[in-house]
Amino acid sequence: MMSDQTRKALDVKRKHEDKWMNIEGVVAVGLGMVEEEIGIIVSVKKDDGDIRKKIPSAVDGVPVVIRHSGEISAL
């Protein structure tokens, strides 16, 4: 069973994922633990200020973090 916080985070992710994935350098958008609660994790090739200006630290009360992952590719 999905918690209310998880459901809310998933709704926010679905609403913004396409827009965020179109930002150069963003390689993935997912859900995960952010400061002891479910939030959105935006994975980037390179963590720079330009991406941070385009993605807020929270949306509708759901925390959003940017994490450097490097390039992601399928095996």
Protein backbone atom coordinates (compact mmCIF):
# COMPACT_ATOMS: atom_id res chain seq x y z
CA MET A 1 0.00 0.00 0.00
CA MET A 2 1.34 3.41 -0.98
CA SER A 3 1.61 6.15 1.66
CA ASP A 4 0.05 9.56 1.08
CA GLN A 5 3.52 11.15 0.86
CA THR A 6 4.66 8.60 -1.72
CA ARG A 7 1.50 9.11 -3.77
CA LYS A 8 1.96 12.89 -3.65
CA ALA A 9 5.64 12.63 -4.65
CA LEU A 10 4.72 10.31 -7.53
CA ASP A 11 2.06 12.74 -8.75
CA VAL A 12 4.52 15.67 -8.66
CA LYS A 13 7.17 13.56 -10.43
CA ARG A 14 4.75 12.60 -13.20
CA LYS A 15 3.69 16.22 -13.62
CA HIS A 16 7.24 17.61 -13.98
CA GLU A 17 9.35 14.70 -15.22
CA ASP A 18 9.13 15.44 -18.96
CA LYS A 19 10.01 19.10 -18.46
CA TRP A 20 12.98 18.26 -16.21
CA MET A 21 14.24 15.49 -18.52
CA ASN A 22 14.40 18.05 -21.33
CA ILE A 23 16.92 20.14 -19.36
CA GLU A 24 20.40 19.51 -20.75
CA GLY A 25 22.42 17.42 -18.30
CA VAL A 26 19.48 15.73 -16.56
CA VAL A 27 19.72 11.95 -16.99
CA ALA A 28 16.97 10.61 -14.68
CA VAL A 29 14.11 11.60 -12.40
CA GLY A 30 13.01 9.23 -9.66
CA LEU A 31 11.67 8.87 -6.14
CA GLY A 32 13.81 8.22 -3.09
CA MET A 33 14.54 9.22 0.46
CA VAL A 34 15.26 12.92 0.84
CA GLU A 35 15.97 14.07 4.39
CA GLU A 36 14.03 11.17 5.94
CA GLU A 37 10.96 11.48 3.71
CA ILE A 38 10.00 10.44 0.21
CA GLY A 39 11.01 13.03 -2.35
CA ILE A 40 12.15 13.45 -5.91
CA ILE A 41 15.73 12.81 -6.96
CA VAL A 42 16.94 14.42 -10.18
CA SER A 43 20.12 12.77 -11.41
CA VAL A 44 22.49 14.86 -13.51
CA LYS A 45 25.66 14.30 -15.54
CA LYS A 46 27.32 17.32 -13.97
CA ASP A 47 26.06 19.26 -10.96
CA ASP A 48 26.20 22.91 -11.93
CA GLY A 49 24.33 26.07 -11.05
CA ASP A 50 22.43 26.24 -14.34
CA ILE A 51 20.40 23.11 -13.58
CA ARG A 52 19.79 24.19 -9.99
CA LYS A 53 18.25 27.44 -11.30
CA LYS A 54 15.74 25.47 -13.41
CA ILE A 55 14.63 22.89 -10.82
CA PRO A 56 13.14 24.03 -7.49
CA SER A 57 14.16 22.53 -4.13
CA ALA A 58 10.52 21.60 -3.46
CA VAL A 59 7.28 21.36 -5.44
CA ASP A 60 3.89 21.29 -3.71
CA GLY A 61 5.58 20.39 -0.43
CA VAL A 62 7.59 17.53 -1.96
CA PRO A 63 11.37 17.94 -1.57
CA VAL A 64 13.48 17.80 -4.72
CA VAL A 65 17.22 17.14 -4.68
CA ILE A 66 19.77 17.15 -7.47
CA ARG A 67 22.39 14.41 -7.35
CA HIS A 68 25.43 13.97 -9.53
CA SER A 69 25.29 10.52 -11.10
CA GLY A 70 27.29 10.99 -14.24
CA GLU A 71 26.13 9.53 -17.54
CA ILE A 72 23.60 6.69 -17.31
CA SER A 73 23.41 4.11 -20.10
CA ALA A 74 21.67 0.79 -20.62
CA LEU A 75 23.82 -2.33 -20.66
